[in-house]
Amino acid sequence: MNRGLTLFRDRRDAGEALASLLEVFRGTDALVLAIPRGGVAVAHPIAKELGLELDILLVKKIGDPDNPEFAVGAVTLNNVHLDTRYDLPPEELKRSVAELRAQIRARELCYRGDRPAPRITGRTVIVVDDGVATGHTLLATLDLLRRSRPNGIVVALPVLPASFLHTLRDIVDDEVHLLAPDHLQSVGQYYQGFDAVEDEEVVRLLTDNWSHRPPRG
């Protein structure tokens, strides 16, 4: 789908548009995993419209020591992905992983409380964010997610660079997107409203989904 030069009103608008492209998953066991924080605001209307479970995918990027904004890998509570093209000193990597995992644990407690993490193994997982500018962190995230043995991985994005499409399609089972411009400078330029999503809003959206779903068996 291509909306031309039309901007999304906000993240909810983008999520509602993506939901229409994911109709095949309505009422299934598919799990919507949002990348906090902006991705949760996009994923919530998808999960709500299709009757799916919503949860969070907490991954922290490992930054290049000389350029922290550039991702050379990623870490979850259980796994580490490091781009083989980059060689971090073992002690530097160990320190970074420990610091990032501490941040992830704090976010887990903030967002999920004592609610157990969702089952991923054997389920189709729909990964949602509010957009991708370079894709480096997303690629590492998908590599880590694959280790949890989902039945399939679908990526749903409002906007991503056209140059990233072929790379993404090679590593996931399916992808849906709304815009794929040739020149993408920032994700926010494709939204009329792109205010920061606060932790309180993430908790509210997750709780809304969980409160309308039956307890896990």
Protein backbone atom coordinates (compact mmCIF):
# COMPACT_ATOMS: atom_id res chain seq x y z
CA MET A 1 0.00 0.00 0.00
CA ASN A 2 1.27 3.48 -0.79
CA ARG A 3 -0.36 6.62 0.53
CA GLY A 4 1.71 8.86 -1.68
CA LEU A 5 2.65 12.06 0.13
CA THR A 6 -0.18 11.80 2.66
CA LEU A 7 0.97 12.12 6.25
CA PHE A 8 -0.30 9.98 9.09
CA ARG A 9 -2.36 12.01 11.53
CA ASP A 10 -0.62 10.21 14.40
CA ARG A 11 0.55 6.75 15.41
CA ARG A 12 -3.00 5.54 15.97
CA ASP A 13 -3.93 6.49 12.39
CA ALA A 14 -0.93 4.54 11.12
CA GLY A 15 -1.89 1.51 13.21
CA GLU A 16 -5.47 1.51 11.98
CA ALA A 17 -4.24 1.59 8.37
CA LEU A 18 -1.85 -1.30 9.02
CA ALA A 19 -4.61 -3.34 10.67
CA SER A 20 -6.50 -3.41 7.36
CA LEU A 21 -3.47 -5.09 5.76
CA LEU A 22 -3.25 -7.73 8.48
CA GLU A 23 -6.83 -8.96 8.29
CA VAL A 24 -5.69 -12.55 7.70
CA PHE A 25 -4.59 -12.72 11.35
CA ARG A 26 -7.95 -11.68 12.82
CA GLY A 27 -8.89 -13.88 15.77
CA THR A 28 -5.83 -16.13 15.45
CA ASP A 29 -3.14 -16.98 17.99
CA ALA A 30 -0.80 -14.41 16.43
CA LEU A 31 1.07 -12.21 18.89
CA VAL A 32 1.61 -8.50 18.27
CA LEU A 33 5.00 -7.46 19.65
CA ALA A 34 5.56 -3.72 19.78
CA ILE A 35 8.93 -2.00 20.05
CA PRO A 36 8.55 0.62 22.82
CA ARG A 37 7.75 3.27 23.05
CA GLY A 38 6.33 4.63 19.81
CA GLY A 39 5.64 1.18 18.41
CA VAL A 40 3.14 0.46 21.18
CA ALA A 41 0.93 3.35 20.05
CA VAL A 42 0.92 1.90 16.51
CA ALA A 43 0.44 -1.69 17.63
CA HIS A 44 -2.46 -1.06 20.03
CA PRO A 45 -5.08 -0.34 17.33
CA ILE A 46 -3.80 -3.32 15.32
CA ALA A 47 -4.26 -5.69 18.25
CA LYS A 48 -7.59 -4.13 19.21
CA GLU A 49 -9.09 -4.31 15.72
CA LEU A 50 -7.93 -7.88 15.06
CA GLY A 51 -8.54 -9.29 18.53
CA LEU A 52 -4.88 -10.19 19.12
CA GLU A 53 -2.66 -10.27 22.17
CA LEU A 54 -0.33 -7.28 22.50
CA ASP A 55 3.00 -7.26 24.27
CA ILE A 56 6.37 -5.56 24.08
CA LEU A 57 9.65 -6.51 22.45
CA LEU A 58 12.37 -5.07 24.64
CA VAL A 59 15.67 -4.90 22.82
CA LYS A 60 18.50 -2.45 23.36
CA LYS A 61 21.02 -1.63 20.67
CA ILE A 62 24.74 -1.97 21.29
CA GLY A 63 26.28 1.25 20.06
CA ASP A 64 29.65 1.69 18.42
CA PRO A 65 32.01 3.08 21.09
CA ASP A 66 33.04 5.85 18.69
CA ASN A 67 29.47 6.55 17.54
CA PRO A 68 26.88 5.43 20.14
CA GLU A 69 23.96 6.20 17.82
CA PHE A 70 25.17 3.60 15.32
CA ALA A 71 24.04 0.08 16.21
CA VAL A 72 26.63 -2.69 15.96
CA GLY A 73 24.45 -5.21 17.75
CA ALA A 74 21.55 -5.68 20.12
CA VAL A 75 20.77 -7.38 23.39
CA THR A 76 17.74 -8.90 25.13
CA LEU A 77 17.57 -10.41 28.59
CA ASN A 78 18.54 -13.79 27.13
CA ASN A 79 20.51 -13.24 23.92
CA VAL A 80 23.13 -11.04 22.30
CA HIS A 81 23.55 -10.24 18.61
CA LEU A 82 26.76 -8.63 17.41
CA ASP A 83 27.45 -7.66 13.81
CA THR A 84 30.47 -9.72 12.79
CA ARG A 85 31.83 -6.78 10.81
CA TYR A 86 32.60 -4.99 14.06
CA ASP A 87 35.04 -6.12 16.71
CA LEU A 88 34.33 -4.89 20.23
CA PRO A 89 36.85 -5.64 22.97
CA PRO A 90 35.44 -8.45 25.16
CA GLU A 91 35.44 -6.32 28.32
CA GLU A 92 33.71 -3.46 26.51
CA LEU A 93 31.05 -5.84 25.19
CA LYS A 94 30.55 -7.42 28.62
CA ARG A 95 30.13 -4.02 30.24
CA SER A 96 27.68 -2.82 27.57
CA VAL A 97 25.55 -5.97 27.78
CA ALA A 98 25.34 -5.73 31.58
CA GLU A 99 24.29 -2.07 31.46
CA LEU A 100 21.73 -2.64 28.73
CA ARG A 101 20.20 -5.64 30.46
CA ALA A 102 19.79 -3.60 33.62
CA GLN A 103 17.86 -1.03 31.57
CA ILE A 104 15.71 -3.77 30.02
CA ARG A 105 14.86 -5.22 33.44
CA ALA A 106 13.77 -1.79 34.63
CA ARG A 107 11.57 -1.35 31.55
CA GLU A 108 10.09 -4.83 31.99
CA LEU A 109 9.09 -3.96 35.55
CA CYS A 110 7.69 -0.60 34.49
CA TYR A 111 5.64 -1.88 31.56
CA ARG A 112 4.68 -5.41 32.53
CA GLY A 113 4.93 -5.51 36.31
CA ASP A 114 4.62 -9.12 37.46
CA ARG A 115 2.80 -10.24 34.30
CA PRO A 116 4.74 -13.12 32.67
CA ALA A 117 6.31 -12.64 29.26
CA PRO A 118 4.19 -13.97 26.38
CA ARG A 119 4.78 -17.31 24.72
CA ILE A 120 6.61 -16.83 21.42
CA THR A 121 7.58 -20.37 20.45
CA GLY A 122 5.20 -21.80 17.87
CA ARG A 123 3.25 -18.57 17.30
CA THR A 124 3.20 -16.13 14.43
CA VAL A 125 4.69 -12.89 15.73
CA ILE A 126 3.82 -9.50 14.23
CA VAL A 127 6.59 -7.00 15.02
CA VAL A 128 5.43 -3.38 15.01
CA ASP A 129 7.26 -0.08 15.27
CA ASP A 130 6.31 3.48 14.29
CA GLY A 131 8.84 3.43 11.46
CA VAL A 132 12.41 2.60 10.51
CA ALA A 133 15.08 5.04 9.36
CA THR A 134 18.11 2.79 8.78
CA GLY A 135 17.00 -0.67 9.87
CA HIS A 136 20.22 -1.64 11.67
CA THR A 137 18.58 -2.11 15.06
CA LEU A 138 15.55 -3.86 13.58
CA LEU A 139 17.74 -6.44 11.83
CA ALA A 140 19.45 -7.29 15.10
CA THR A 141 16.09 -7.43 16.85
CA LEU A 142 14.71 -9.90 14.33
CA ASP A 143 17.79 -12.09 14.64
CA LEU A 144 17.28 -12.28 18.39
CA LEU A 145 13.56 -12.91 18.04
CA ARG A 146 14.15 -15.82 15.66
CA ARG A 147 16.05 -17.61 18.42
CA SER A 148 12.79 -17.90 20.39
CA ARG A 149 11.48 -20.15 17.56
CA PRO A 150 8.29 -18.41 16.49
CA ASN A 151 6.19 -20.11 13.84
CA GLY A 152 6.70 -17.06 11.61
CA ILE A 153 7.71 -13.41 11.78
CA VAL A 154 5.74 -10.62 10.13
CA VAL A 155 6.97 -7.03 10.29
CA ALA A 156 4.41 -4.20 10.11
CA LEU A 157 5.72 -0.66 9.64
CA PRO A 158 4.04 2.60 8.67
CA VAL A 159 7.17 3.85 6.91
CA LEU A 160 10.60 2.53 5.96
CA PRO A 161 13.21 3.38 3.31
CA ALA A 162 12.60 1.80 -0.08
CA SER A 163 16.22 0.62 -0.06
CA PHE A 164 15.54 -1.46 3.06
CA LEU A 165 12.63 -3.45 1.62
CA HIS A 166 14.65 -6.15 -0.14
CA THR A 167 16.83 -6.69 2.93
CA LEU A 168 13.77 -7.02 5.16
CA ARG A 169 11.92 -9.38 2.84
CA ASP A 170 14.90 -11.71 2.76
CA ILE A 171 14.81 -12.34 6.51
CA VAL A 172 11.11 -12.34 7.50
CA ASP A 173 8.16 -14.46 6.47
CA ASP A 174 6.11 -11.43 5.45
CA GLU A 175 6.06 -7.67 5.76
CA VAL A 176 3.44 -4.96 5.39
CA HIS A 177 4.08 -1.26 5.10
CA LEU A 178 2.27 1.91 4.11
CA LEU A 179 5.05 4.16 2.81
CA ALA A 180 8.48 3.36 1.38
CA PRO A 181 10.03 6.65 0.24
CA ASP A 182 13.27 6.70 -1.71
CA HIS A 183 14.74 9.34 0.58
CA LEU A 184 13.81 9.01 4.25
CA GLN A 185 15.54 11.43 6.57
CA SER A 186 13.45 10.84 9.68
CA VAL A 187 10.38 8.83 10.60
CA GLY A 188 8.71 11.84 12.23
CA GLN A 189 8.48 13.76 8.97
CA TYR A 190 5.68 11.41 7.85
CA TYR A 191 3.45 12.18 10.83
CA GLN A 192 1.41 15.29 11.49
CA GLY A 193 1.61 14.50 15.20
CA PHE A 194 4.71 12.73 16.45
CA ASP A 195 4.94 13.62 20.11
CA ALA A 196 7.01 11.38 22.35
CA VAL A 197 5.12 8.45 23.83
CA GLU A 198 5.59 8.46 27.59
CA ASP A 199 5.94 5.40 29.81
CA GLU A 200 2.52 6.05 31.33
CA GLU A 201 0.89 5.84 27.90
CA VAL A 202 2.69 2.58 27.12
CA VAL A 203 1.37 1.07 30.37
CA ARG A 204 -2.14 2.34 29.65
CA LEU A 205 -2.25 0.82 26.17
CA LEU A 206 -0.85 -2.52 27.29
CA THR A 207 -3.24 -2.70 30.24
CA ASP A 208 -6.18 -1.90 27.98
CA ASN A 209 -5.32 -4.86 25.75
CA TRP A 210 -4.66 -7.24 28.61
CA SER A 211 -7.84 -6.31 30.49
CA HIS A 212 -9.96 -7.23 27.46
CA ARG A 213 -8.40 -10.65 26.97
CA PRO A 214 -9.07 -13.89 28.86
CA PRO A 215 -6.37 -15.06 31.31
CA ARG A 216 -3.60 -17.17 29.80
CA GLY A 217 -4.06 -20.87 30.23
